[in-house]
Amino acid sequence: MRNYPVLASAVAVVALLLAAPLRAPAAASTLPNKPVPVDTKQAAIFLTQLAAQKAAQLRIKTGKATCPAKVVAKPNAVTRFQCTVPYEGQLVPYEVTIDTAKARFDTKPGMAILVTRLVVAFVETNVTGAKKVDCGKAKVLIRPPKSTVTCSVNGGAAVALLRVEDVEGRVTLTGVV
């Protein structure tokens, strides 16, 4: 397994993902001029390592990323494909983007990864009188941006409503009913 620094050179990552050798030191002008297969196994390894870093920060478990077997990158174009990464047994989609014209590589999760214990702490802090909060049994809540998370407060005496703002996992308390 190769170790990738988090801030790897975009050109080097693009070159690694494209199954074609470079003719000179990594530069945008050295990328292939014809469609080439993307080494999606390397993309999966890269995503797995990024996920492991995120999981360590959040103190949750993750596994190996999976990507489609065949993807072809066109020259001077943007190629996108979807991979998935498991967090605590739940799959999170990631969009992988390779821009061969600009030698850029990017990954973006399609859902927010909310750690349940952190959501509970947020509700306890922001809802007056919240002594017992239950947001479900799962260790993580995987939600799309702009969706709602509900948590039972004080044994069902109230329900806290939280809006998922973005894929980074920012939430806003929108009400208590």
C-alpha atoms as a PDB file:
ATOM      1  CA  MET A   1       0.000   0.000   0.000  1.00  0.00           C
ATOM      2  CA  ARG A   2       1.306   3.433  -0.872  1.00  0.00           C
ATOM      3  CA  ASN A   3       1.130   6.233   1.653  1.00  0.00           C
ATOM      4  CA  TYR A   4      -0.149   9.518   0.261  1.00  0.00           C
ATOM      5  CA  PRO A   5       0.471  12.787   2.063  1.00  0.00           C
ATOM      6  CA  VAL A   6      -2.765  14.695   2.562  1.00  0.00           C
ATOM      7  CA  LEU A   7      -1.418  17.642   0.595  1.00  0.00           C
ATOM      8  CA  ALA A   8       0.038  15.613  -2.273  1.00  0.00           C
ATOM      9  CA  SER A   9       0.905  17.447  -5.467  1.00  0.00           C
ATOM     10  CA  ALA A  10      -2.191  17.446  -7.667  1.00  0.00           C
ATOM     11  CA  VAL A  11      -0.108  16.712 -10.750  1.00  0.00           C
ATOM     12  CA  ALA A  12       1.572  13.748  -9.065  1.00  0.00           C
ATOM     13  CA  VAL A  13      -1.785  12.350  -7.922  1.00  0.00           C
ATOM     14  CA  VAL A  14      -3.325  12.786 -11.375  1.00  0.00           C
ATOM     15  CA  ALA A  15      -0.274  11.156 -12.932  1.00  0.00           C
ATOM     16  CA  LEU A  16      -0.513   8.243 -10.489  1.00  0.00           C
ATOM     17  CA  LEU A  17      -4.211   7.736 -11.198  1.00  0.00           C
ATOM     18  CA  LEU A  18      -3.761   7.777 -14.951  1.00  0.00           C
ATOM     19  CA  ALA A  19      -2.358   4.487 -16.155  1.00  0.00           C
ATOM     20  CA  ALA A  20       0.165   6.157 -18.471  1.00  0.00           C
ATOM     21  CA  PRO A  21       3.814   6.982 -17.765  1.00  0.00           C
ATOM     22  CA  LEU A  22       4.975  10.581 -17.729  1.00  0.00           C
ATOM     23  CA  ARG A  23       7.754  11.637 -20.077  1.00  0.00           C
ATOM     24  CA  ALA A  24       9.334  14.250 -17.790  1.00  0.00           C
ATOM     25  CA  PRO A  25       8.984  15.672 -14.288  1.00  0.00           C
ATOM     26  CA  ALA A  26       5.295  15.920 -13.369  1.00  0.00           C
ATOM     27  CA  ALA A  27       3.729  18.895 -15.094  1.00  0.00           C
ATOM     28  CA  ALA A  28       0.369  19.498 -16.696  1.00  0.00           C
ATOM     29  CA  SER A  29       1.915  19.494 -20.186  1.00  0.00           C
ATOM     30  CA  THR A  30       3.234  15.942 -19.655  1.00  0.00           C
ATOM     31  CA  LEU A  31      -0.192  14.397 -19.147  1.00  0.00           C
ATOM     32  CA  PRO A  32      -1.401  12.145 -21.973  1.00  0.00           C
ATOM     33  CA  ASN A  33      -3.041  13.611 -25.070  1.00  0.00           C
ATOM     34  CA  LYS A  34      -5.433  10.693 -25.564  1.00  0.00           C
ATOM     35  CA  PRO A  35      -8.054   8.952 -23.409  1.00  0.00           C
ATOM     36  CA  VAL A  36      -6.404   6.781 -20.765  1.00  0.00           C
ATOM     37  CA  PRO A  37      -7.743   4.390 -18.145  1.00  0.00           C
ATOM     38  CA  VAL A  38      -7.840   5.680 -14.581  1.00  0.00           C
ATOM     39  CA  ASP A  39      -6.195   3.446 -11.988  1.00  0.00           C
ATOM     40  CA  THR A  40      -9.263   3.304  -9.766  1.00  0.00           C
ATOM     41  CA  LYS A  41      -7.466   0.933  -7.370  1.00  0.00           C
ATOM     42  CA  GLN A  42      -5.078   3.794  -6.566  1.00  0.00           C
ATOM     43  CA  ALA A  43      -8.055   6.141  -6.131  1.00  0.00           C
ATOM     44  CA  ALA A  44      -9.571   3.636  -3.678  1.00  0.00           C
ATOM     45  CA  ILE A  45      -6.287   3.410  -1.745  1.00  0.00           C
ATOM     46  CA  PHE A  46      -6.078   7.193  -1.601  1.00  0.00           C
ATOM     47  CA  LEU A  47      -9.695   7.501  -0.375  1.00  0.00           C
ATOM     48  CA  THR A  48      -9.159   4.709   2.170  1.00  0.00           C
ATOM     49  CA  GLN A  49      -6.227   6.608   3.652  1.00  0.00           C
ATOM     50  CA  LEU A  50      -8.142   9.894   3.731  1.00  0.00           C
ATOM     51  CA  ALA A  51     -11.054   8.088   5.407  1.00  0.00           C
ATOM     52  CA  ALA A  52      -8.722   6.550   7.996  1.00  0.00           C
ATOM     53  CA  GLN A  53      -7.457  10.029   8.910  1.00  0.00           C
ATOM     54  CA  LYS A  54     -10.996  11.373   9.234  1.00  0.00           C
ATOM     55  CA  ALA A  55     -12.118   8.332  11.235  1.00  0.00           C
ATOM     56  CA  ALA A  56      -9.178   8.714  13.628  1.00  0.00           C
ATOM     57  CA  GLN A  57     -10.111  12.366  14.217  1.00  0.00           C
ATOM     58  CA  LEU A  58     -13.741  11.430  14.882  1.00  0.00           C
ATOM     59  CA  ARG A  59     -12.865   8.253  16.823  1.00  0.00           C
ATOM     60  CA  ILE A  60     -14.980   6.022  14.581  1.00  0.00           C
ATOM     61  CA  LYS A  61     -14.259   2.999  12.383  1.00  0.00           C
ATOM     62  CA  THR A  62     -13.861   2.962   8.636  1.00  0.00           C
ATOM     63  CA  GLY A  63     -12.969   0.394   6.000  1.00  0.00           C
ATOM     64  CA  LYS A  64     -11.700   0.135   2.461  1.00  0.00           C
ATOM     65  CA  ALA A  65     -13.049   2.410  -0.247  1.00  0.00           C
ATOM     66  CA  THR A  66     -14.460   0.862  -3.395  1.00  0.00           C
ATOM     67  CA  CYS A  67     -14.416   2.477  -6.837  1.00  0.00           C
ATOM     68  CA  PRO A  68     -15.695   1.341 -10.239  1.00  0.00           C
ATOM     69  CA  ALA A  69     -13.417  -1.040 -12.110  1.00  0.00           C
ATOM     70  CA  LYS A  70     -13.244   0.907 -15.369  1.00  0.00           C
ATOM     71  CA  VAL A  71     -13.025   4.665 -15.785  1.00  0.00           C
ATOM     72  CA  VAL A  72     -11.458   6.450 -18.745  1.00  0.00           C
ATOM     73  CA  ALA A  73     -10.108   9.996 -18.453  1.00  0.00           C
ATOM     74  CA  LYS A  74     -10.331  12.165 -21.548  1.00  0.00           C
ATOM     75  CA  PRO A  75      -7.525  14.618 -22.355  1.00  0.00           C
ATOM     76  CA  ASN A  76      -8.098  18.270 -21.438  1.00  0.00           C
ATOM     77  CA  ALA A  77     -11.378  17.392 -19.768  1.00  0.00           C
ATOM     78  CA  VAL A  78     -12.967  16.713 -16.399  1.00  0.00           C
ATOM     79  CA  THR A  79     -13.712  13.096 -15.520  1.00  0.00           C
ATOM     80  CA  ARG A  80     -15.949  12.253 -12.562  1.00  0.00           C
ATOM     81  CA  PHE A  81     -16.708   8.922 -10.955  1.00  0.00           C
ATOM     82  CA  GLN A  82     -18.257   7.707  -7.727  1.00  0.00           C
ATOM     83  CA  CYS A  83     -16.571   5.680  -4.991  1.00  0.00           C
ATOM     84  CA  THR A  84     -17.925   4.616  -1.611  1.00  0.00           C
ATOM     85  CA  VAL A  85     -16.287   4.518   1.811  1.00  0.00           C
ATOM     86  CA  PRO A  86     -17.759   2.677   4.812  1.00  0.00           C
ATOM     87  CA  TYR A  87     -17.945   4.492   8.152  1.00  0.00           C
ATOM     88  CA  GLU A  88     -19.190   2.335  11.028  1.00  0.00           C
ATOM     89  CA  GLY A  89     -20.708  -0.013   8.418  1.00  0.00           C
ATOM     90  CA  GLN A  90     -22.616   2.706   6.537  1.00  0.00           C
ATOM     91  CA  LEU A  91     -21.581   3.693   3.022  1.00  0.00           C
ATOM     92  CA  VAL A  92     -20.725   7.287   2.175  1.00  0.00           C
ATOM     93  CA  PRO A  93     -20.543   8.176  -1.535  1.00  0.00           C
ATOM     94  CA  TYR A  94     -17.550  10.222  -2.686  1.00  0.00           C
ATOM     95  CA  GLU A  95     -17.304  11.993  -6.017  1.00  0.00           C
ATOM     96  CA  VAL A  96     -13.808  11.773  -7.470  1.00  0.00           C
ATOM     97  CA  THR A  97     -12.907  14.437 -10.026  1.00  0.00           C
ATOM     98  CA  ILE A  98      -9.853  14.365 -12.293  1.00  0.00           C
ATOM     99  CA  ASP A  99      -9.232  17.449 -14.395  1.00  0.00           C
ATOM    100  CA  THR A 100      -6.565  16.512 -16.925  1.00  0.00           C
ATOM    101  CA  ALA A 101      -6.445  20.029 -18.406  1.00  0.00           C
ATOM    102  CA  LYS A 102      -5.460  21.590 -15.072  1.00  0.00           C
ATOM    103  CA  ALA A 103      -3.840  18.481 -13.548  1.00  0.00           C
ATOM    104  CA  ARG A 104      -6.243  18.586 -10.594  1.00  0.00           C
ATOM    105  CA  PHE A 105      -7.576  15.771  -8.453  1.00  0.00           C
ATOM    106  CA  ASP A 106     -10.370  16.246  -5.932  1.00  0.00           C
ATOM    107  CA  THR A 107     -12.630  14.152  -3.743  1.00  0.00           C
ATOM    108  CA  LYS A 108     -15.876  15.263  -2.153  1.00  0.00           C
ATOM    109  CA  PRO A 109     -18.223  13.302   0.096  1.00  0.00           C
ATOM    110  CA  GLY A 110     -21.853  13.243  -0.968  1.00  0.00           C
ATOM    111  CA  MET A 111     -23.172  13.001   2.583  1.00  0.00           C
ATOM    112  CA  ALA A 112     -22.358  14.371   6.008  1.00  0.00           C
ATOM    113  CA  ILE A 113     -20.890  11.998   8.587  1.00  0.00           C
ATOM    114  CA  LEU A 114     -22.427  12.952  11.924  1.00  0.00           C
ATOM    115  CA  VAL A 115     -21.030  11.217  14.999  1.00  0.00           C
ATOM    116  CA  THR A 116     -24.047  10.434  17.161  1.00  0.00           C
ATOM    117  CA  ARG A 117     -22.303  11.139  20.488  1.00  0.00           C
ATOM    118  CA  LEU A 118     -21.327  14.597  19.194  1.00  0.00           C
ATOM    119  CA  VAL A 119     -24.876  15.308  17.995  1.00  0.00           C
ATOM    120  CA  VAL A 120     -26.178  14.293  21.435  1.00  0.00           C
ATOM    121  CA  ALA A 121     -23.679  16.645  23.117  1.00  0.00           C
ATOM    122  CA  PHE A 122     -24.743  19.452  20.751  1.00  0.00           C
ATOM    123  CA  VAL A 123     -28.418  18.976  21.673  1.00  0.00           C
ATOM    124  CA  GLU A 124     -27.629  18.759  25.399  1.00  0.00           C
ATOM    125  CA  THR A 125     -25.723  22.041  25.149  1.00  0.00           C
ATOM    126  CA  ASN A 126     -28.269  23.902  23.034  1.00  0.00           C
ATOM    127  CA  VAL A 127     -31.643  22.703  24.314  1.00  0.00           C
ATOM    128  CA  THR A 128     -32.609  24.117  27.704  1.00  0.00           C
ATOM    129  CA  GLY A 129     -33.330  21.382  30.236  1.00  0.00           C
ATOM    130  CA  ALA A 130     -32.135  18.529  28.004  1.00  0.00           C
ATOM    131  CA  LYS A 131     -30.926  15.870  30.427  1.00  0.00           C
ATOM    132  CA  LYS A 132     -31.384  12.722  28.339  1.00  0.00           C
ATOM    133  CA  VAL A 133     -30.978  12.908  24.551  1.00  0.00           C
ATOM    134  CA  ASP A 134     -31.428   9.968  22.163  1.00  0.00           C
ATOM    135  CA  CYS A 135     -30.484  10.360  18.490  1.00  0.00           C
ATOM    136  CA  GLY A 136     -30.580   6.644  17.687  1.00  0.00           C
ATOM    137  CA  LYS A 137     -28.390   3.596  18.235  1.00  0.00           C
ATOM    138  CA  ALA A 138     -26.057   3.993  15.256  1.00  0.00           C
ATOM    139  CA  LYS A 139     -22.596   5.398  16.049  1.00  0.00           C
ATOM    140  CA  VAL A 140     -22.814   7.668  12.998  1.00  0.00           C
ATOM    141  CA  LEU A 141     -25.658   9.305  11.139  1.00  0.00           C
ATOM    142  CA  ILE A 142     -25.067   9.569   7.394  1.00  0.00           C
ATOM    143  CA  ARG A 143     -27.208  12.366   6.009  1.00  0.00           C
ATOM    144  CA  PRO A 144     -27.355  14.543   2.887  1.00  0.00           C
ATOM    145  CA  PRO A 145     -27.030  18.306   3.205  1.00  0.00           C
ATOM    146  CA  LYS A 146     -30.274  20.186   3.933  1.00  0.00           C
ATOM    147  CA  SER A 147     -31.841  17.124   5.593  1.00  0.00           C
ATOM    148  CA  THR A 148     -33.244  16.939   9.128  1.00  0.00           C
ATOM    149  CA  VAL A 149     -32.036  14.889  12.090  1.00  0.00           C
ATOM    150  CA  THR A 150     -34.405  14.306  14.978  1.00  0.00           C
ATOM    151  CA  CYS A 151     -33.408  13.496  18.543  1.00  0.00           C
ATOM    152  CA  SER A 152     -35.685  12.543  21.400  1.00  0.00           C
ATOM    153  CA  VAL A 153     -35.215  14.759  24.467  1.00  0.00           C
ATOM    154  CA  ASN A 154     -35.941  13.676  28.055  1.00  0.00           C
ATOM    155  CA  GLY A 155     -37.568  10.357  27.184  1.00  0.00           C
ATOM    156  CA  GLY A 156     -39.737  11.723  24.399  1.00  0.00           C
ATOM    157  CA  ALA A 157     -41.041  14.787  26.228  1.00  0.00           C
ATOM    158  CA  ALA A 158     -39.687  16.805  23.297  1.00  0.00           C
ATOM    159  CA  VAL A 159     -37.992  16.319  19.942  1.00  0.00           C
ATOM    160  CA  ALA A 160     -35.008  18.368  18.816  1.00  0.00           C
ATOM    161  CA  LEU A 161     -34.896  19.144  15.093  1.00  0.00           C
ATOM    162  CA  LEU A 162     -31.489  19.713  13.527  1.00  0.00           C
ATOM    163  CA  ARG A 163     -30.752  20.765   9.971  1.00  0.00           C
ATOM    164  CA  VAL A 164     -27.654  19.301   8.293  1.00  0.00           C
ATOM    165  CA  GLU A 165     -26.055  22.313   6.636  1.00  0.00           C
ATOM    166  CA  ASP A 166     -23.352  20.712   4.489  1.00  0.00           C
ATOM    167  CA  VAL A 167     -21.223  17.613   3.840  1.00  0.00           C
ATOM    168  CA  GLU A 168     -18.756  18.842   6.467  1.00  0.00           C
ATOM    169  CA  GLY A 169     -21.351  17.903   9.097  1.00  0.00           C
ATOM    170  CA  ARG A 170     -22.314  21.322  10.371  1.00  0.00           C
ATOM    171  CA  VAL A 171     -25.771  21.268  11.978  1.00  0.00           C
ATOM    172  CA  THR A 172     -28.174  23.941  13.150  1.00  0.00           C
ATOM    173  CA  LEU A 173     -30.839  23.518  15.811  1.00  0.00           C
ATOM    174  CA  THR A 174     -34.020  24.537  13.998  1.00  0.00           C
ATOM    175  CA  GLY A 175     -36.531  23.826  16.712  1.00  0.00           C
ATOM    176  CA  VAL A 176     -37.782  21.775  19.625  1.00  0.00           C
ATOM    177  CA  VAL A 177     -41.292  20.351  19.456  1.00  0.00           C
END
